[in-house]
Each structure stands twice: as C-alpha cells, then as structure tokens.
Amino acid sequence: MKRSPSDLLQGSVEMLILRALAWQTMHGYAIARWIASRTDDVLSVETAALYQALHRLERRGLVAASWGVSENNRRAKYYELTQAGRHALRAESETWRLYASAVARVLDPA
C-alpha cells in the first residue's frame, strides 16, 4: 500500500504507539513517557492526540484495552498490542524506514 507523505505524517502517532506497545502493555501516560524517553524528548505526543489515536487503534482492532491499577495506585486503562496490531506495526515500520531513507538521501546528497 503506497501512502502519501502527509498520510505518513498523520499516521506517525499511531505507529509510535504501536511500537511502544510492542514492548509491553501500558496506560496512556506511560506510552507518552516511553515515546519521549525513547526519542530523547525530541518527540512528544499531546494528551488529546494520544487518546484519539488510541481510540482509533482500538476501533480498528490493533490494540485491546482493559482497566487496571497504575503504579501510583490509580485506576488506568491499559492497552496491549493485538496480533493484527503486530502485523500493522511490521508493515508501518517498513514504510517508515523507506520514507526516512528517502528523506535522508535528499537531505544529504552524495
């Protein structure tokens, strides 16, 4: 499936969430922290965008959610990657690698 650059940018939050959840089941705040930490605070996901993306992913069957208790003893919704989510992550990761490689070639012509 070929995607336009604007589609790639719009889908970046979802791909980052899927990648975070490939590590472990997490609640929303932990996902946002993981993304920021993994990117040395270069990327951050705003709360509204994060939860909108999580709900889209859940509707598409790429993540499943259940209620639990967070590390600071608060009720939190935990998200986990489904089998369909793992498949989507593999496909999206390859698309992003190709896109990043193409942009790198433009920015650093040999």
PDB file of N, CA and C in Angstrom:
ATOM      1  N   MET A   1       0.845  -1.164   0.000  1.00  0.00           N
ATOM      2  CA  MET A   1       0.000   0.000   0.000  1.00  0.00           C
ATOM      3  C   MET A   1       0.896   1.234   0.000  1.00  0.00           C
ATOM      4  N   LYS A   2       0.763   2.045  -1.023  1.00  0.00           N
ATOM      5  CA  LYS A   2       1.546   3.267  -1.155  1.00  0.00           C
ATOM      6  C   LYS A   2       0.830   4.402  -0.428  1.00  0.00           C
ATOM      7  N   ARG A   3       1.564   5.177   0.353  1.00  0.00           N
ATOM      8  CA  ARG A   3       0.958   6.270   1.112  1.00  0.00           C
ATOM      9  C   ARG A   3       1.653   7.563   0.770  1.00  0.00           C
ATOM     10  N   SER A   4       0.914   8.648   0.815  1.00  0.00           N
ATOM     11  CA  SER A   4       1.494   9.960   0.554  1.00  0.00           C
ATOM     12  C   SER A   4       2.256  10.427   1.790  1.00  0.00           C
ATOM     13  N   PRO A   5       3.195  11.395   1.620  1.00  0.00           N
ATOM     14  CA  PRO A   5       3.927  11.904   2.788  1.00  0.00           C
ATOM     15  C   PRO A   5       3.011  12.467   3.865  1.00  0.00           C
ATOM     16  N   SER A   6       1.918  13.134   3.481  1.00  0.00           N
ATOM     17  CA  SER A   6       1.023  13.679   4.510  1.00  0.00           C
ATOM     18  C   SER A   6       0.332  12.553   5.264  1.00  0.00           C
ATOM     19  N   ASP A   7      -0.015  11.448   4.571  1.00  0.00           N
ATOM     20  CA  ASP A   7      -0.575  10.291   5.258  1.00  0.00           C
ATOM     21  C   ASP A   7       0.433   9.709   6.230  1.00  0.00           C
ATOM     22  N   LEU A   8       1.693   9.673   5.820  1.00  0.00           N
ATOM     23  CA  LEU A   8       2.734   9.144   6.699  1.00  0.00           C
ATOM     24  C   LEU A   8       2.858   9.982   7.953  1.00  0.00           C
ATOM     25  N   LEU A   9       2.853  11.297   7.808  1.00  0.00           N
ATOM     26  CA  LEU A   9       2.988  12.160   8.974  1.00  0.00           C
ATOM     27  C   LEU A   9       1.782  12.040   9.892  1.00  0.00           C
ATOM     28  N   GLN A  10       0.584  11.960   9.316  1.00  0.00           N
ATOM     29  CA  GLN A  10      -0.613  11.828  10.136  1.00  0.00           C
ATOM     30  C   GLN A  10      -0.626  10.500  10.885  1.00  0.00           C
ATOM     31  N   GLY A  11      -0.069   9.453  10.286  1.00  0.00           N
ATOM     32  CA  GLY A  11      -0.050   8.139  10.914  1.00  0.00           C
ATOM     33  C   GLY A  11       1.106   7.924  11.865  1.00  0.00           C
ATOM     34  N   SER A  12       1.955   8.928  12.036  1.00  0.00           N
ATOM     35  CA  SER A  12       3.137   8.723  12.864  1.00  0.00           C
ATOM     36  C   SER A  12       2.792   8.472  14.327  1.00  0.00           C
ATOM     37  N   VAL A  13       1.800   9.150  14.861  1.00  0.00           N
ATOM     38  CA  VAL A  13       1.430   8.952  16.268  1.00  0.00           C
ATOM     39  C   VAL A  13       0.972   7.518  16.472  1.00  0.00           C
ATOM     40  N   GLU A  14       0.154   7.019  15.558  1.00  0.00           N
ATOM     41  CA  GLU A  14      -0.327   5.648  15.694  1.00  0.00           C
ATOM     42  C   GLU A  14       0.827   4.648  15.627  1.00  0.00           C
ATOM     43  N   MET A  15       1.749   4.859  14.706  1.00  0.00           N
ATOM     44  CA  MET A  15       2.887   3.950  14.587  1.00  0.00           C
ATOM     45  C   MET A  15       3.747   3.995  15.855  1.00  0.00           C
ATOM     46  N   LEU A  16       3.964   5.179  16.407  1.00  0.00           N
ATOM     47  CA  LEU A  16       4.745   5.298  17.635  1.00  0.00           C
ATOM     48  C   LEU A  16       4.061   4.581  18.797  1.00  0.00           C
ATOM     49  N   ILE A  17       2.756   4.684  18.866  1.00  0.00           N
ATOM     50  CA  ILE A  17       2.002   3.991  19.918  1.00  0.00           C
ATOM     51  C   ILE A  17       2.134   2.480  19.750  1.00  0.00           C
ATOM     52  N   LEU A  18       1.950   2.007  18.527  1.00  0.00           N
ATOM     53  CA  LEU A  18       2.091   0.568  18.287  1.00  0.00           C
ATOM     54  C   LEU A  18       3.478   0.089  18.691  1.00  0.00           C
ATOM     55  N   ARG A  19       4.490   0.870  18.375  1.00  0.00           N
ATOM     56  CA  ARG A  19       5.871   0.492  18.729  1.00  0.00           C
ATOM     57  C   ARG A  19       6.048   0.448  20.240  1.00  0.00           C
ATOM     58  N   ALA A  20       5.506   1.426  20.926  1.00  0.00           N
ATOM     59  CA  ALA A  20       5.607   1.437  22.391  1.00  0.00           C
ATOM     60  C   ALA A  20       4.955   0.193  22.978  1.00  0.00           C
ATOM     61  N   LEU A  21       3.790  -0.162  22.449  1.00  0.00           N
ATOM     62  CA  LEU A  21       3.064  -1.306  22.990  1.00  0.00           C
ATOM     63  C   LEU A  21       3.688  -2.640  22.601  1.00  0.00           C
ATOM     64  N   ALA A  22       4.590  -2.628  21.630  1.00  0.00           N
ATOM     65  CA  ALA A  22       5.314  -3.860  21.293  1.00  0.00           C
ATOM     66  C   ALA A  22       6.228  -4.257  22.445  1.00  0.00           C
ATOM     67  N   TRP A  23       6.604  -3.291  23.267  1.00  0.00           N
ATOM     68  CA  TRP A  23       7.473  -3.566  24.422  1.00  0.00           C
ATOM     69  C   TRP A  23       6.687  -4.213  25.556  1.00  0.00           C
ATOM     70  N   GLN A  24       5.526  -3.620  25.860  1.00  0.00           N
ATOM     71  CA  GLN A  24       4.717  -4.137  26.963  1.00  0.00           C
ATOM     72  C   GLN A  24       3.372  -3.434  26.987  1.00  0.00           C
ATOM     73  N   THR A  25       2.451  -3.970  27.738  1.00  0.00           N
ATOM     74  CA  THR A  25       1.157  -3.347  27.971  1.00  0.00           C
ATOM     75  C   THR A  25       1.386  -2.075  28.785  1.00  0.00           C
ATOM     76  N   MET A  26       0.742  -0.979  28.382  1.00  0.00           N
ATOM     77  CA  MET A  26       0.943   0.303  29.075  1.00  0.00           C
ATOM     78  C   MET A  26      -0.349   1.107  29.107  1.00  0.00           C
ATOM     79  N   HIS A  27      -0.436   2.019  30.074  1.00  0.00           N
ATOM     80  CA  HIS A  27      -1.523   3.001  30.074  1.00  0.00           C
ATOM     81  C   HIS A  27      -1.052   4.213  29.278  1.00  0.00           C
ATOM     82  N   GLY A  28      -1.986   5.095  28.970  1.00  0.00           N
ATOM     83  CA  GLY A  28      -1.695   6.223  28.085  1.00  0.00           C
ATOM     84  C   GLY A  28      -0.516   7.078  28.507  1.00  0.00           C
ATOM     85  N   TYR A  29      -0.472   7.453  29.776  1.00  0.00           N
ATOM     86  CA  TYR A  29       0.618   8.311  30.237  1.00  0.00           C
ATOM     87  C   TYR A  29       1.968   7.613  30.073  1.00  0.00           C
ATOM     88  N   ALA A  30       2.010   6.308  30.333  1.00  0.00           N
ATOM     89  CA  ALA A  30       3.262   5.554  30.177  1.00  0.00           C
ATOM     90  C   ALA A  30       3.676   5.494  28.705  1.00  0.00           C
ATOM     91  N   ILE A  31       2.712   5.411  27.805  1.00  0.00           N
ATOM     92  CA  ILE A  31       3.025   5.410  26.375  1.00  0.00           C
ATOM     93  C   ILE A  31       3.673   6.740  25.998  1.00  0.00           C
ATOM     94  N   ALA A  32       3.079   7.832  26.427  1.00  0.00           N
ATOM     95  CA  ALA A  32       3.636   9.159  26.125  1.00  0.00           C
ATOM     96  C   ALA A  32       5.043   9.304  26.697  1.00  0.00           C
ATOM     97  N   ARG A  33       5.255   8.835  27.925  1.00  0.00           N
ATOM     98  CA  ARG A  33       6.592   8.884  28.543  1.00  0.00           C
ATOM     99  C   ARG A  33       7.585   8.035  27.765  1.00  0.00           C
ATOM    100  N   TRP A  34       7.173   6.849  27.327  1.00  0.00           N
ATOM    101  CA  TRP A  34       8.050   5.955  26.579  1.00  0.00           C
ATOM    102  C   TRP A  34       8.504   6.620  25.280  1.00  0.00           C
ATOM    103  N   ILE A  35       7.561   7.227  24.565  1.00  0.00           N
ATOM    104  CA  ILE A  35       7.899   7.898  23.304  1.00  0.00           C
ATOM    105  C   ILE A  35       8.881   9.035  23.547  1.00  0.00           C
ATOM    106  N   ALA A  36       8.611   9.860  24.538  1.00  0.00           N
ATOM    107  CA  ALA A  36       9.510  10.975  24.845  1.00  0.00           C
ATOM    108  C   ALA A  36      10.890  10.474  25.248  1.00  0.00           C
ATOM    109  N   SER A  37      10.929   9.464  26.096  1.00  0.00           N
ATOM    110  CA  SER A  37      12.200   8.919  26.561  1.00  0.00           C
ATOM    111  C   SER A  37      12.980   8.280  25.420  1.00  0.00           C
ATOM    112  N   ARG A  38      12.308   7.505  24.615  1.00  0.00           N
ATOM    113  CA  ARG A  38      12.963   6.785  23.516  1.00  0.00           C
ATOM    114  C   ARG A  38      13.530   7.739  22.472  1.00  0.00           C
ATOM    115  N   THR A  39      12.935   8.935  22.352  1.00  0.00           N
ATOM    116  CA  THR A  39      13.390   9.914  21.354  1.00  0.00           C
ATOM    117  C   THR A  39      14.196  11.039  21.989  1.00  0.00           C
ATOM    118  N   ASP A  40      14.660  10.829  23.217  1.00  0.00           N
ATOM    119  CA  ASP A  40      15.415  11.856  23.943  1.00  0.00           C
ATOM    120  C   ASP A  40      14.653  13.180  23.971  1.00  0.00           C
ATOM    121  N   ASP A  41      13.355  13.094  24.181  1.00  0.00           N
ATOM    122  CA  ASP A  41      12.450  14.240  24.288  1.00  0.00           C
ATOM    123  C   ASP A  41      12.332  15.071  23.008  1.00  0.00           C
ATOM    124  N   VAL A  42      12.744  14.500  21.875  1.00  0.00           N
ATOM    125  CA  VAL A  42      12.566  15.192  20.600  1.00  0.00           C
ATOM    126  C   VAL A  42      11.100  15.122  20.189  1.00  0.00           C
ATOM    127  N   LEU A  43      10.470  13.975  20.426  1.00  0.00           N
ATOM    128  CA  LEU A  43       9.064  13.804  20.091  1.00  0.00           C
ATOM    129  C   LEU A  43       8.248  13.705  21.363  1.00  0.00           C
ATOM    130  N   SER A  44       7.134  14.388  21.355  1.00  0.00           N
ATOM    131  CA  SER A  44       6.185  14.253  22.453  1.00  0.00           C
ATOM    132  C   SER A  44       4.794  14.204  21.845  1.00  0.00           C
ATOM    133  N   VAL A  45       3.925  13.478  22.486  1.00  0.00           N
ATOM    134  CA  VAL A  45       2.561  13.331  21.991  1.00  0.00           C
ATOM    135  C   VAL A  45       1.636  14.036  22.965  1.00  0.00           C
ATOM    136  N   GLU A  46       0.880  14.980  22.444  1.00  0.00           N
ATOM    137  CA  GLU A  46      -0.078  15.702  23.287  1.00  0.00           C
ATOM    138  C   GLU A  46      -1.160  14.732  23.756  1.00  0.00           C
ATOM    139  N   THR A  47      -1.685  14.972  24.935  1.00  0.00           N
ATOM    140  CA  THR A  47      -2.652  14.073  25.553  1.00  0.00           C
ATOM    141  C   THR A  47      -3.847  13.805  24.646  1.00  0.00           C
ATOM    142  N   ALA A  48      -4.443  14.851  24.101  1.00  0.00           N
ATOM    143  CA  ALA A  48      -5.628  14.676  23.255  1.00  0.00           C
ATOM    144  C   ALA A  48      -5.303  13.828  22.028  1.00  0.00           C
ATOM    145  N   ALA A  49      -4.195  14.109  21.380  1.00  0.00           N
ATOM    146  CA  ALA A  49      -3.796  13.345  20.190  1.00  0.00           C
ATOM    147  C   ALA A  49      -3.525  11.891  20.549  1.00  0.00           C
ATOM    148  N   LEU A  50      -2.912  11.669  21.698  1.00  0.00           N
ATOM    149  CA  LEU A  50      -2.602  10.315  22.144  1.00  0.00           C
ATOM    150  C   LEU A  50      -3.875   9.502  22.312  1.00  0.00           C
ATOM    151  N   TYR A  51      -4.848  10.034  23.048  1.00  0.00           N
ATOM    152  CA  TYR A  51      -6.061   9.270  23.318  1.00  0.00           C
ATOM    153  C   TYR A  51      -6.944   9.139  22.088  1.00  0.00           C
ATOM    154  N   GLN A  52      -6.943  10.124  21.213  1.00  0.00           N
ATOM    155  CA  GLN A  52      -7.675   9.984  19.950  1.00  0.00           C
ATOM    156  C   GLN A  52      -7.068   8.849  19.133  1.00  0.00           C
ATOM    157  N   ALA A  53      -5.749   8.801  19.066  1.00  0.00           N
ATOM    158  CA  ALA A  53      -5.074   7.733  18.318  1.00  0.00           C
ATOM    159  C   ALA A  53      -5.330   6.368  18.964  1.00  0.00           C
ATOM    160  N   LEU A  54      -5.259   6.293  20.288  1.00  0.00           N
ATOM    161  CA  LEU A  54      -5.532   5.027  20.971  1.00  0.00           C
ATOM    162  C   LEU A  54      -6.944   4.534  20.669  1.00  0.00           C
ATOM    163  N   HIS A  55      -7.914   5.433  20.673  1.00  0.00           N
ATOM    164  CA  HIS A  55      -9.293   5.037  20.376  1.00  0.00           C
ATOM    165  C   HIS A  55      -9.438   4.577  18.927  1.00  0.00           C
ATOM    166  N   ARG A  56      -8.743   5.245  17.994  1.00  0.00           N
ATOM    167  CA  ARG A  56      -8.778   4.800  16.594  1.00  0.00           C
ATOM    168  C   ARG A  56      -8.169   3.404  16.467  1.00  0.00           C
ATOM    169  N   LEU A  57      -7.038   3.201  17.124  1.00  0.00           N
ATOM    170  CA  LEU A  57      -6.373   1.894  17.073  1.00  0.00           C
ATOM    171  C   LEU A  57      -7.245   0.803  17.689  1.00  0.00           C
ATOM    172  N   GLU A  58      -7.931   1.147  18.752  1.00  0.00           N
ATOM    173  CA  GLU A  58      -8.815   0.174  19.405  1.00  0.00           C
ATOM    174  C   GLU A  58      -9.994  -0.170  18.487  1.00  0.00           C
ATOM    175  N   ARG A  59     -10.590   0.826  17.845  1.00  0.00           N
ATOM    176  CA  ARG A  59     -11.707   0.580  16.916  1.00  0.00           C
ATOM    177  C   ARG A  59     -11.271  -0.297  15.745  1.00  0.00           C
ATOM    178  N   ARG A  60     -10.033  -0.138  15.319  1.00  0.00           N
ATOM    179  CA  ARG A  60      -9.506  -0.921  14.191  1.00  0.00           C
ATOM    180  C   ARG A  60      -9.026  -2.305  14.620  1.00  0.00           C
ATOM    181  N   GLY A  61      -9.074  -2.593  15.914  1.00  0.00           N
ATOM    182  CA  GLY A  61      -8.668  -3.904  16.407  1.00  0.00           C
ATOM    183  C   GLY A  61      -7.166  -4.095  16.507  1.00  0.00           C
ATOM    184  N   LEU A  62      -6.410  -2.987  16.485  1.00  0.00           N
ATOM    185  CA  LEU A  62      -4.950  -3.084  16.554  1.00  0.00           C
ATOM    186  C   LEU A  62      -4.433  -3.076  17.986  1.00  0.00           C
ATOM    187  N   VAL A  63      -5.236  -2.543  18.898  1.00  0.00           N
ATOM    188  CA  VAL A  63      -4.929  -2.606  20.325  1.00  0.00           C
ATOM    189  C   VAL A  63      -6.187  -3.031  21.067  1.00  0.00           C
ATOM    190  N   ALA A  64      -5.984  -3.647  22.212  1.00  0.00           N
ATOM    191  CA  ALA A  64      -7.079  -4.022  23.102  1.00  0.00           C
ATOM    192  C   ALA A  64      -6.849  -3.293  24.423  1.00  0.00           C
ATOM    193  N   ALA A  65      -7.939  -2.945  25.086  1.00  0.00           N
ATOM    194  CA  ALA A  65      -7.823  -2.179  26.331  1.00  0.00           C
ATOM    195  C   ALA A  65      -8.524  -2.901  27.474  1.00  0.00           C
ATOM    196  N   SER A  66      -7.980  -2.720  28.673  1.00  0.00           N
ATOM    197  CA  SER A  66      -8.609  -3.231  29.890  1.00  0.00           C
ATOM    198  C   SER A  66      -8.241  -2.310  31.042  1.00  0.00           C
ATOM    199  N   TRP A  67      -9.093  -2.277  32.036  1.00  0.00           N
ATOM    200  CA  TRP A  67      -8.850  -1.418  33.188  1.00  0.00           C
ATOM    201  C   TRP A  67      -7.945  -2.116  34.189  1.00  0.00           C
ATOM    202  N   GLY A  68      -7.088  -1.320  34.824  1.00  0.00           N
ATOM    203  CA  GLY A  68      -6.191  -1.831  35.843  1.00  0.00           C
ATOM    204  C   GLY A  68      -5.811  -0.713  36.794  1.00  0.00           C
ATOM    205  N   VAL A  69      -4.824  -0.983  37.625  1.00  0.00           N
ATOM    206  CA  VAL A  69      -4.347  -0.003  38.599  1.00  0.00           C
ATOM    207  C   VAL A  69      -2.916   0.371  38.229  1.00  0.00           C
ATOM    208  N   SER A  70      -2.666   1.678  38.153  1.00  0.00           N
ATOM    209  CA  SER A  70      -1.344   2.168  37.757  1.00  0.00           C
ATOM    210  C   SER A  70      -0.348   2.033  38.901  1.00  0.00           C
ATOM    211  N   GLU A  71       0.909   2.344  38.584  1.00  0.00           N
ATOM    212  CA  GLU A  71       1.978   2.251  39.584  1.00  0.00           C
ATOM    213  C   GLU A  71       1.771   3.198  40.761  1.00  0.00           C
ATOM    214  N   ASN A  72       0.975   4.256  40.570  1.00  0.00           N
ATOM    215  CA  ASN A  72       0.690   5.161  41.694  1.00  0.00           C
ATOM    216  C   ASN A  72      -0.726   4.935  42.236  1.00  0.00           C
ATOM    217  N   ASN A  73      -1.198   3.688  42.067  1.00  0.00           N
ATOM    218  CA  ASN A  73      -2.436   3.208  42.676  1.00  0.00           C
ATOM    219  C   ASN A  73      -3.686   3.939  42.185  1.00  0.00           C
ATOM    220  N   ARG A  74      -3.698   4.328  40.917  1.00  0.00           N
ATOM    221  CA  ARG A  74      -4.874   4.959  40.321  1.00  0.00           C
ATOM    222  C   ARG A  74      -5.435   4.042  39.246  1.00  0.00           C
ATOM    223  N   ARG A  75      -6.722   4.143  39.061  1.00  0.00           N
ATOM    224  CA  ARG A  75      -7.366   3.370  38.009  1.00  0.00           C
ATOM    225  C   ARG A  75      -6.903   3.900  36.650  1.00  0.00           C
ATOM    226  N   ALA A  76      -6.496   2.997  35.761  1.00  0.00           N
ATOM    227  CA  ALA A  76      -5.993   3.403  34.451  1.00  0.00           C
ATOM    228  C   ALA A  76      -6.400   2.369  33.413  1.00  0.00           C
ATOM    229  N   LYS A  77      -6.580   2.843  32.200  1.00  0.00           N
ATOM    230  CA  LYS A  77      -6.886   1.953  31.089  1.00  0.00           C
ATOM    231  C   LYS A  77      -5.570   1.523  30.458  1.00  0.00           C
ATOM    232  N   TYR A  78      -5.341   0.218  30.425  1.00  0.00           N
ATOM    233  CA  TYR A  78      -4.113  -0.336  29.869  1.00  0.00           C
ATOM    234  C   TYR A  78      -4.378  -0.856  28.454  1.00  0.00           C
ATOM    235  N   TYR A  79      -3.413  -0.618  27.597  1.00  0.00           N
ATOM    236  CA  TYR A  79      -3.531  -1.007  26.196  1.00  0.00           C
ATOM    237  C   TYR A  79      -2.476  -2.046  25.875  1.00  0.00           C
ATOM    238  N   GLU A  80      -2.863  -3.016  25.037  1.00  0.00           N
ATOM    239  CA  GLU A  80      -1.909  -4.015  24.578  1.00  0.00           C
ATOM    240  C   GLU A  80      -2.082  -4.209  23.084  1.00  0.00           C
ATOM    241  N   LEU A  81      -1.009  -4.601  22.450  1.00  0.00           N
ATOM    242  CA  LEU A  81      -0.987  -4.837  21.022  1.00  0.00           C
ATOM    243  C   LEU A  81      -1.688  -6.161  20.708  1.00  0.00           C
ATOM    244  N   THR A  82      -2.558  -6.164  19.721  1.00  0.00           N
ATOM    245  CA  THR A  82      -3.190  -7.402  19.274  1.00  0.00           C
ATOM    246  C   THR A  82      -2.326  -8.019  18.177  1.00  0.00           C
ATOM    247  N   GLN A  83      -2.689  -9.210  17.753  1.00  0.00           N
ATOM    248  CA  GLN A  83      -1.971  -9.847  16.644  1.00  0.00           C
ATOM    249  C   GLN A  83      -2.076  -8.983  15.392  1.00  0.00           C
ATOM    250  N   ALA A  84      -3.249  -8.427  15.139  1.00  0.00           N
ATOM    251  CA  ALA A  84      -3.423  -7.524  13.991  1.00  0.00           C
ATOM    252  C   ALA A  84      -2.550  -6.283  14.163  1.00  0.00           C
ATOM    253  N   GLY A  85      -2.404  -5.814  15.392  1.00  0.00           N
ATOM    254  CA  GLY A  85      -1.551  -4.661  15.669  1.00  0.00           C
ATOM    255  C   GLY A  85      -0.085  -4.965  15.389  1.00  0.00           C
ATOM    256  N   ARG A  86       0.349  -6.169  15.715  1.00  0.00           N
ATOM    257  CA  ARG A  86       1.740  -6.566  15.423  1.00  0.00           C
ATOM    258  C   ARG A  86       1.986  -6.599  13.918  1.00  0.00           C
ATOM    259  N   HIS A  87       1.016  -7.113  13.190  1.00  0.00           N
ATOM    260  CA  HIS A  87       1.134  -7.159  11.736  1.00  0.00           C
ATOM    261  C   HIS A  87       1.184  -5.731  11.167  1.00  0.00           C
ATOM    262  N   ALA A  88       0.298  -4.868  11.644  1.00  0.00           N
ATOM    263  CA  ALA A  88       0.275  -3.474  11.185  1.00  0.00           C
ATOM    264  C   ALA A  88       1.579  -2.763  11.525  1.00  0.00           C
ATOM    265  N   LEU A  89       2.134  -3.032  12.705  1.00  0.00           N
ATOM    266  CA  LEU A  89       3.393  -2.408  13.109  1.00  0.00           C
ATOM    267  C   LEU A  89       4.516  -2.818  12.166  1.00  0.00           C
ATOM    268  N   ARG A  90       4.588  -4.087  11.810  1.00  0.00           N
ATOM    269  CA  ARG A  90       5.629  -4.538  10.876  1.00  0.00           C
ATOM    270  C   ARG A  90       5.500  -3.807   9.537  1.00  0.00           C
ATOM    271  N   ALA A  91       4.285  -3.712   9.028  1.00  0.00           N
ATOM    272  CA  ALA A  91       4.059  -3.055   7.739  1.00  0.00           C
ATOM    273  C   ALA A  91       4.377  -1.566   7.822  1.00  0.00           C
ATOM    274  N   GLU A  92       3.912  -0.896   8.863  1.00  0.00           N
ATOM    275  CA  GLU A  92       4.150   0.542   9.024  1.00  0.00           C
ATOM    276  C   GLU A  92       5.627   0.836   9.251  1.00  0.00           C
ATOM    277  N   SER A  93       6.300  -0.032   9.987  1.00  0.00           N
ATOM    278  CA  SER A  93       7.729   0.176  10.237  1.00  0.00           C
ATOM    279  C   SER A  93       8.512   0.150   8.935  1.00  0.00           C
ATOM    280  N   GLU A  94       8.185  -0.786   8.068  1.00  0.00           N
ATOM    281  CA  GLU A  94       8.885  -0.867   6.780  1.00  0.00           C
ATOM    282  C   GLU A  94       8.605   0.381   5.941  1.00  0.00           C
ATOM    283  N   THR A  95       7.365   0.834   5.930  1.00  0.00           N
ATOM    284  CA  THR A  95       7.011   2.046   5.185  1.00  0.00           C
ATOM    285  C   THR A  95       7.798   3.237   5.714  1.00  0.00           C
ATOM    286  N   TRP A  96       7.892   3.361   7.043  1.00  0.00           N
ATOM    287  CA  TRP A  96       8.629   4.484   7.634  1.00  0.00           C
ATOM    288  C   TRP A  96      10.122   4.389   7.356  1.00  0.00           C
ATOM    289  N   ARG A  97      10.671   3.195   7.380  1.00  0.00           N
ATOM    290  CA  ARG A  97      12.102   3.044   7.067  1.00  0.00           C
ATOM    291  C   ARG A  97      12.389   3.500   5.641  1.00  0.00           C
ATOM    292  N   LEU A  98      11.542   3.110   4.702  1.00  0.00           N
ATOM    293  CA  LEU A  98      11.717   3.532   3.314  1.00  0.00           C
ATOM    294  C   LEU A  98      11.597   5.045   3.185  1.00  0.00           C
ATOM    295  N   TYR A  99      10.612   5.613   3.851  1.00  0.00           N
ATOM    296  CA  TYR A  99      10.379   7.063   3.817  1.00  0.00           C
ATOM    297  C   TYR A  99      11.570   7.812   4.422  1.00  0.00           C
ATOM    298  N   ALA A 100      12.024   7.373   5.595  1.00  0.00           N
ATOM    299  CA  ALA A 100      13.155   8.037   6.266  1.00  0.00           C
ATOM    300  C   ALA A 100      14.420   7.940   5.429  1.00  0.00           C
ATOM    301  N   SER A 101      14.627   6.798   4.803  1.00  0.00           N
ATOM    302  CA  SER A 101      15.800   6.614   3.954  1.00  0.00           C
ATOM    303  C   SER A 101      15.758   7.568   2.751  1.00  0.00           C
ATOM    304  N   ALA A 102      14.583   7.716   2.152  1.00  0.00           N
ATOM    305  CA  ALA A 102      14.431   8.616   1.012  1.00  0.00           C
ATOM    306  C   ALA A 102      14.674  10.062   1.430  1.00  0.00           C
ATOM    307  N   VAL A 103      14.139  10.479   2.555  1.00  0.00           N
ATOM    308  CA  VAL A 103      14.351  11.847   3.035  1.00  0.00           C
ATOM    309  C   VAL A 103      15.818  12.060   3.360  1.00  0.00           C
ATOM    310  N   ALA A 104      16.481  11.088   3.964  1.00  0.00           N
ATOM    311  CA  ALA A 104      17.905  11.205   4.281  1.00  0.00           C
ATOM    312  C   ALA A 104      18.733  11.390   3.006  1.00  0.00           C
ATOM    313  N   ARG A 105      18.363  10.672   1.946  1.00  0.00           N
ATOM    314  CA  ARG A 105      19.098  10.829   0.685  1.00  0.00           C
ATOM    315  C   ARG A 105      18.921  12.222   0.111  1.00  0.00           C
ATOM    316  N   VAL A 106      17.755  12.809   0.285  1.00  0.00           N
ATOM    317  CA  VAL A 106      17.518  14.177  -0.206  1.00  0.00           C
ATOM    318  C   VAL A 106      18.298  15.185   0.633  1.00  0.00           C
ATOM    319  N   LEU A 107      18.305  15.000   1.947  1.00  0.00           N
ATOM    320  CA  LEU A 107      18.977  15.949   2.831  1.00  0.00           C
ATOM    321  C   LEU A 107      20.485  15.858   2.751  1.00  0.00           C
ATOM    322  N   ASP A 108      21.002  14.706   2.413  1.00  0.00           N
ATOM    323  CA  ASP A 108      22.450  14.509   2.372  1.00  0.00           C
ATOM    324  C   ASP A 108      22.850  13.896   1.035  1.00  0.00           C
ATOM    325  N   PRO A 109      22.718  14.676  -0.039  1.00  0.00           N
ATOM    326  CA  PRO A 109      23.037  14.110  -1.359  1.00  0.00           C
ATOM    327  C   PRO A 109      24.534  13.795  -1.456  1.00  0.00           C
ATOM    328  N   ALA A 110      24.825  12.679  -2.089  1.00  0.00           N
ATOM    329  CA  ALA A 110      26.228  12.241  -2.206  1.00  0.00           C
ATOM    330  C   ALA A 110      26.921  12.887  -3.391  1.00  0.00           C
TER     331      ALA A 110
END
